[in-house]
Protein backbone atom coordinates (compact mmCIF):
# COMPACT_ATOMS: atom_id res chain seq x y z
CA MET A 1 -194.00 -169.83 -3.22
CA ALA A 2 -190.39 -170.00 -4.33
CA TYR A 3 -189.05 -166.96 -6.12
CA ASN A 4 -185.82 -168.52 -7.40
CA THR A 5 -186.22 -167.83 -11.12
CA PRO A 6 -185.60 -164.44 -12.76
CA GLU A 7 -189.35 -164.11 -13.41
CA GLY A 8 -190.06 -165.19 -9.83
CA LYS A 9 -187.87 -162.37 -8.50
CA ILE A 10 -189.83 -159.84 -10.60
CA LYS A 11 -193.12 -161.32 -9.26
CA LYS A 12 -191.88 -161.06 -5.68
CA HIS A 13 -190.88 -157.43 -6.15
CA GLY A 14 -194.24 -156.64 -7.79
CA ARG A 15 -196.22 -158.36 -5.04
CA ASP A 16 -194.19 -156.58 -2.37
CA ILE A 17 -195.20 -153.29 -4.02
CA CYS A 18 -198.88 -154.34 -3.95
CA ARG A 19 -198.57 -155.20 -0.24
CA LYS A 20 -196.82 -151.88 0.45
CA LEU A 21 -199.75 -150.03 -1.14
CA ASP A 22 -202.19 -152.26 0.78
CA LEU A 23 -204.00 -153.19 -2.44
CA TYR A 24 -206.51 -155.99 -2.81
CA PHE A 25 -204.75 -158.48 -5.07
CA PHE A 26 -204.21 -162.16 -5.48
CA PRO A 27 -201.85 -164.30 -7.50
CA VAL A 28 -203.67 -166.55 -9.93
CA GLN A 29 -202.84 -170.20 -9.33
CA GLN A 30 -202.14 -171.99 -12.57
CA GLY A 31 -203.28 -175.58 -12.64
CA GLY A 32 -205.12 -178.26 -14.52
CA THR A 33 -208.49 -176.50 -14.38
CA SER A 34 -207.31 -172.91 -14.94
CA LEU A 35 -207.59 -171.12 -18.26
CA ALA A 36 -204.45 -170.67 -20.33
CA GLY A 37 -203.38 -167.05 -20.68
CA ILE A 38 -204.81 -165.73 -17.42
CA PRO A 39 -202.65 -163.15 -15.64
CA ASP A 40 -200.11 -163.74 -12.92
CA ASP A 41 -201.87 -161.29 -10.59
CA VAL A 42 -205.34 -159.75 -10.45
CA LEU A 43 -205.83 -156.48 -8.56
CA CYS A 44 -208.60 -154.11 -7.69
CA VAL A 45 -207.12 -150.62 -7.44
CA ASN A 46 -209.61 -147.99 -6.28
CA GLY A 47 -212.41 -149.86 -8.04
CA LYS A 48 -210.41 -150.47 -11.21
CA PHE A 49 -209.70 -153.99 -12.47
CA VAL A 50 -205.98 -154.44 -13.13
CA HIS A 51 -204.29 -157.43 -14.70
CA ILE A 52 -200.50 -157.89 -14.25
CA GLU A 53 -198.35 -160.28 -16.25
CA TYR A 54 -194.76 -160.66 -15.04
CA LYS A 55 -191.84 -161.51 -17.31
CA ALA A 56 -188.15 -161.86 -16.52
CA HIS A 57 -186.95 -159.78 -19.45
CA MET A 58 -188.70 -159.03 -22.73
CA ASP A 59 -186.32 -159.22 -25.67
CA TRP A 60 -187.61 -156.68 -28.19
CA ARG A 61 -185.87 -156.76 -31.53
CA PRO A 62 -186.19 -155.01 -34.87
CA THR A 63 -188.48 -156.99 -37.18
CA SER A 64 -185.59 -158.44 -39.17
CA LYS A 65 -184.06 -159.86 -35.97
CA VAL A 66 -187.16 -161.47 -34.42
CA THR A 67 -186.38 -165.05 -33.48
CA ALA A 68 -188.27 -167.90 -31.84
CA THR A 69 -186.09 -167.34 -28.76
CA SER A 70 -186.92 -163.64 -28.53
CA ILE A 71 -190.65 -164.32 -29.02
CA LYS A 72 -190.58 -166.67 -25.99
CA THR A 73 -189.67 -163.70 -23.76
CA LEU A 74 -192.90 -161.84 -24.64
CA PRO A 75 -196.41 -162.59 -23.43
CA THR A 76 -197.89 -165.60 -25.23
CA GLU A 77 -200.66 -165.44 -27.78
CA LYS A 78 -203.16 -166.60 -25.15
CA GLN A 79 -201.89 -164.01 -22.65
CA CYS A 80 -202.28 -161.27 -25.29
CA LYS A 81 -205.82 -162.44 -25.97
CA ALA A 82 -206.64 -162.41 -22.23
CA MET A 83 -205.19 -158.90 -21.89
CA GLU A 84 -207.20 -157.72 -24.89
CA ARG A 85 -210.41 -159.09 -23.31
CA CYS A 86 -209.53 -157.34 -20.04
CA ARG A 87 -209.05 -153.97 -21.78
CA VAL A 88 -212.20 -154.34 -23.87
CA SER A 89 -214.06 -154.88 -20.59
CA GLY A 90 -212.65 -151.65 -19.16
CA GLY A 91 -209.70 -153.14 -17.28
CA ILE A 92 -206.07 -152.07 -17.30
CA THR A 93 -203.29 -154.44 -18.31
CA LEU A 94 -199.68 -154.18 -17.19
CA VAL A 95 -196.72 -156.26 -18.30
CA VAL A 96 -193.85 -155.94 -15.85
CA ASP A 97 -190.28 -157.06 -16.42
CA ASP A 98 -186.80 -156.05 -15.30
CA SER A 99 -186.89 -152.94 -17.51
CA ASN A 100 -190.00 -151.39 -15.93
CA ILE A 101 -190.44 -152.95 -12.46
CA ASP A 102 -189.13 -149.73 -10.92
CA HIS A 103 -192.12 -147.88 -12.41
CA LEU A 104 -194.77 -150.27 -11.05
CA LEU A 105 -195.21 -148.40 -7.75
CA GLY A 106 -195.81 -145.10 -9.56
CA ASP A 107 -198.14 -146.75 -12.10
CA LEU A 108 -200.30 -148.30 -9.37
CA GLU A 109 -200.40 -145.00 -7.46
CA THR A 110 -201.44 -143.25 -10.68
CA ILE A 111 -204.21 -145.79 -11.28
CA ALA A 112 -205.39 -145.44 -7.66
CA GLY A 113 -205.61 -141.66 -7.97
CA GLY A 114 -207.24 -141.61 -11.41
CA LYS A 115 -210.72 -140.26 -11.92
CA SER A 116 -213.37 -141.42 -14.39
CA GLY A 117 -212.75 -140.10 -17.90
CA GLU A 118 -209.19 -139.06 -17.07
CA ASP A 119 -206.17 -140.02 -19.17
CA ILE A 120 -203.46 -141.64 -17.07
CA PRO A 121 -199.89 -142.23 -18.20
CA LEU A 122 -198.40 -145.64 -17.39
CA TYR A 123 -194.85 -146.86 -17.92
CA SER A 124 -195.72 -150.57 -17.73
CA GLY A 125 -198.99 -150.46 -19.67
CA TRP A 126 -199.61 -152.97 -22.44
CA LYS A 127 -201.94 -152.04 -25.29
CA TRP A 128 -201.14 -154.53 -28.02
CA PHE A 129 -204.07 -156.36 -29.52
CA LEU A 130 -203.71 -159.98 -30.54
CA ILE A 131 -203.41 -158.97 -34.20
CA ASP A 132 -200.46 -156.68 -33.37
CA TYR A 133 -198.72 -159.49 -31.50
CA MET A 134 -199.24 -161.87 -34.41
CA ARG A 135 -197.94 -159.29 -36.89
CA TYR A 136 -194.83 -158.63 -34.78
CA ARG A 137 -194.24 -162.34 -34.33
CA SER A 138 -194.45 -162.93 -38.10
CA GLY A 139 -192.14 -160.00 -38.83
CA ALA A 140 -194.89 -157.89 -40.42
CA LEU A 141 -194.88 -155.23 -37.70
CA SER A 142 -191.84 -153.36 -36.50
CA ILE A 143 -191.86 -152.02 -32.95
CA CYS A 144 -190.58 -148.77 -34.46
CA GLN A 145 -193.76 -148.45 -36.55
CA TYR A 146 -196.17 -149.09 -33.70
CA SER A 147 -196.66 -146.15 -31.40
CA PRO A 148 -199.92 -146.83 -29.50
CA GLY A 149 -198.69 -150.04 -27.92
CA TYR A 150 -196.15 -151.08 -25.37
CA ILE A 151 -192.70 -150.22 -26.64
CA PRO A 152 -190.08 -150.50 -23.91
CA HIS A 153 -187.95 -147.44 -23.63
CA PRO A 154 -185.02 -146.95 -21.23
CA GLU A 155 -186.17 -143.47 -20.29
CA GLY A 156 -189.64 -144.81 -19.47
CA THR A 157 -191.92 -143.74 -22.30
CA GLN A 158 -195.41 -143.22 -20.95
CA TYR A 159 -198.52 -144.87 -22.39
CA VAL A 160 -201.87 -143.20 -21.88
CA TRP A 161 -204.95 -145.03 -20.64
CA ARG A 162 -208.42 -143.56 -20.33
CA ILE A 163 -210.23 -144.49 -17.13
CA LYS A 164 -213.83 -145.46 -17.74
């Protein structure tokens, strides 16, 4: 696979991390018979189902500045729906871009070491539900107002997941 695009370079780095940790993972091949919105990579980390979506760079903006161009940098509606279904089923969803790729190794190590019922902090976790995505996209939800979800932060704000 060619990794020439900005998103491709993030995917390569992420997959190299998975190989370094000797994780069971596979890239999902998109094609005519695949479902829209499925993740870029599926992993099993110490018995936990993990879904990773890679992006080149997510362009978060205050609600008043949300544009069609900035929305295109975020996961799509179908990807958000797939991530929501993964989480509802007990899985963990990560969205990795150039702002948090350096935290992916630590996040995967944290997931691997987590115990049932334990809260785990993740830098690249994604917790938005489809309704949150739609509200942000329409300008009805400011990223400043929404604390439980994924809000990129240069210092690496942690998001807590409960392992089932």
